Structure formats: C-alpha cells, structure tokens
Amino acid sequence: MTSPHASQQMLTGTLAMLLRHCLTTCPASSMQAAGLLARLADDPALDSDLREYCEQLSSRLYQQTQGQRA
C-alpha cells in the first residue's frame, strides 16, 4: 500500500511529465506520463474517481503515442 505522501509525490511528478508532453509533444514524455498514470490508477490510496481518470488518461496517451509511431 502506498502512503498518501508518496501518492501525492507521484501525482505531482505525473502532472509535471504530462505538462512536458503538452508543451513539447515529445512521445517519450507521453509514454512516461502514461506509465505513471497507470501506476496511479492502481494506487488504492487514491480516490476511486481519481484512479478512474488516471486510467482513462493513461489509455488515451498510449493510443495517441502509438498512432504517432504508425
């Protein structure tokens, strides 16, 4: 189980990586953000709604990145 402090740090890092992707459209940043979001989606310390949004956004980023590579 993840502590609330660790979850907050993970969320902060994830948002920073997501912002980097938004500003640069870097596929590596997108994949890193998607991976972090997937980890947050599995974190029982987070609210269920937040976990669901993390899962949805992670899936969307993976799909977009795969589309850019094709």
C-alpha atoms as a PDB file:
ATOM      1  CA  MET A   1       0.000   0.000   0.000  1.00  0.00           C
ATOM      2  CA  THR A   2       1.269   3.450  -0.900  1.00  0.00           C
ATOM      3  CA  SER A   3       1.361   6.224   1.678  1.00  0.00           C
ATOM      4  CA  PRO A   4      -0.653   9.384   0.973  1.00  0.00           C
ATOM      5  CA  HIS A   5       2.590  11.386   0.845  1.00  0.00           C
ATOM      6  CA  ALA A   6       4.103   9.045  -1.744  1.00  0.00           C
ATOM      7  CA  SER A   7       0.881   9.173  -3.769  1.00  0.00           C
ATOM      8  CA  GLN A   8       0.983  12.967  -3.710  1.00  0.00           C
ATOM      9  CA  GLN A   9       4.599  12.969  -4.888  1.00  0.00           C
ATOM     10  CA  MET A  10       3.728  10.518  -7.677  1.00  0.00           C
ATOM     11  CA  LEU A  11       0.788  12.675  -8.730  1.00  0.00           C
ATOM     12  CA  THR A  12       2.979  15.788  -8.771  1.00  0.00           C
ATOM     13  CA  GLY A  13       5.608  14.048 -10.905  1.00  0.00           C
ATOM     14  CA  THR A  14       2.958  12.705 -13.243  1.00  0.00           C
ATOM     15  CA  LEU A  15       1.448  16.147 -13.790  1.00  0.00           C
ATOM     16  CA  ALA A  16       4.914  17.568 -14.474  1.00  0.00           C
ATOM     17  CA  MET A  17       5.554  14.871 -17.103  1.00  0.00           C
ATOM     18  CA  LEU A  18       2.110  15.424 -18.616  1.00  0.00           C
ATOM     19  CA  LEU A  19       2.795  19.160 -18.852  1.00  0.00           C
ATOM     20  CA  ARG A  20       6.142  18.447 -20.535  1.00  0.00           C
ATOM     21  CA  HIS A  21       4.322  16.302 -23.094  1.00  0.00           C
ATOM     22  CA  CYS A  22       1.705  19.016 -23.687  1.00  0.00           C
ATOM     23  CA  LEU A  23       4.359  21.685 -24.200  1.00  0.00           C
ATOM     24  CA  THR A  24       6.701  19.656 -26.391  1.00  0.00           C
ATOM     25  CA  THR A  25       4.549  16.813 -27.829  1.00  0.00           C
ATOM     26  CA  CYS A  26       7.506  14.572 -27.001  1.00  0.00           C
ATOM     27  CA  PRO A  27       6.456  10.905 -27.411  1.00  0.00           C
ATOM     28  CA  ALA A  28       8.850   9.809 -24.651  1.00  0.00           C
ATOM     29  CA  SER A  29       7.215  12.231 -22.202  1.00  0.00           C
ATOM     30  CA  SER A  30       3.822  10.933 -23.272  1.00  0.00           C
ATOM     31  CA  MET A  31       4.822   7.330 -22.615  1.00  0.00           C
ATOM     32  CA  GLN A  32       6.371   8.233 -19.253  1.00  0.00           C
ATOM     33  CA  ALA A  33       3.246  10.138 -18.232  1.00  0.00           C
ATOM     34  CA  ALA A  34       1.035   7.241 -19.381  1.00  0.00           C
ATOM     35  CA  GLY A  35       3.077   4.782 -17.337  1.00  0.00           C
ATOM     36  CA  LEU A  36       2.909   6.955 -14.237  1.00  0.00           C
ATOM     37  CA  LEU A  37      -0.826   7.433 -14.711  1.00  0.00           C
ATOM     38  CA  ALA A  38      -1.272   3.666 -14.964  1.00  0.00           C
ATOM     39  CA  ARG A  39       0.580   3.259 -11.662  1.00  0.00           C
ATOM     40  CA  LEU A  40      -1.636   5.907 -10.060  1.00  0.00           C
ATOM     41  CA  ALA A  41      -4.722   4.112 -11.400  1.00  0.00           C
ATOM     42  CA  ASP A  42      -3.639   1.059  -9.391  1.00  0.00           C
ATOM     43  CA  ASP A  43      -2.937   3.002  -6.184  1.00  0.00           C
ATOM     44  CA  PRO A  44      -5.517   2.129  -3.505  1.00  0.00           C
ATOM     45  CA  ALA A  45      -4.531   5.225  -1.507  1.00  0.00           C
ATOM     46  CA  LEU A  46      -6.196   7.415  -4.148  1.00  0.00           C
ATOM     47  CA  ASP A  47      -9.869   8.210  -4.531  1.00  0.00           C
ATOM     48  CA  SER A  48     -11.675   5.825  -6.909  1.00  0.00           C
ATOM     49  CA  ASP A  49     -12.759   8.667  -9.222  1.00  0.00           C
ATOM     50  CA  LEU A  50      -9.182   9.924  -9.493  1.00  0.00           C
ATOM     51  CA  ARG A  51      -7.962   6.400 -10.227  1.00  0.00           C
ATOM     52  CA  GLU A  52     -10.551   6.073 -13.000  1.00  0.00           C
ATOM     53  CA  TYR A  53      -9.475   9.390 -14.572  1.00  0.00           C
ATOM     54  CA  CYS A  54      -5.841   8.304 -14.383  1.00  0.00           C
ATOM     55  CA  GLU A  55      -6.697   5.050 -16.165  1.00  0.00           C
ATOM     56  CA  GLN A  56      -8.630   6.866 -18.895  1.00  0.00           C
ATOM     57  CA  LEU A  57      -5.893   9.422 -19.474  1.00  0.00           C
ATOM     58  CA  SER A  58      -3.206   6.744 -19.466  1.00  0.00           C
ATOM     59  CA  SER A  59      -5.077   4.773 -22.123  1.00  0.00           C
ATOM     60  CA  ARG A  60      -5.577   7.888 -24.225  1.00  0.00           C
ATOM     61  CA  LEU A  61      -1.884   8.804 -24.090  1.00  0.00           C
ATOM     62  CA  TYR A  62      -0.839   5.255 -25.041  1.00  0.00           C
ATOM     63  CA  GLN A  63      -3.249   5.319 -28.002  1.00  0.00           C
ATOM     64  CA  GLN A  64      -2.076   8.731 -29.198  1.00  0.00           C
ATOM     65  CA  THR A  65       1.582   7.766 -28.924  1.00  0.00           C
ATOM     66  CA  GLN A  66       1.023   4.515 -30.801  1.00  0.00           C
ATOM     67  CA  GLY A  67      -0.809   6.484 -33.511  1.00  0.00           C
ATOM     68  CA  GLN A  68       2.152   8.861 -33.872  1.00  0.00           C
ATOM     69  CA  ARG A  69       4.529   5.938 -34.334  1.00  0.00           C
ATOM     70  CA  ALA A  70       2.460   4.321 -37.105  1.00  0.00           C
END
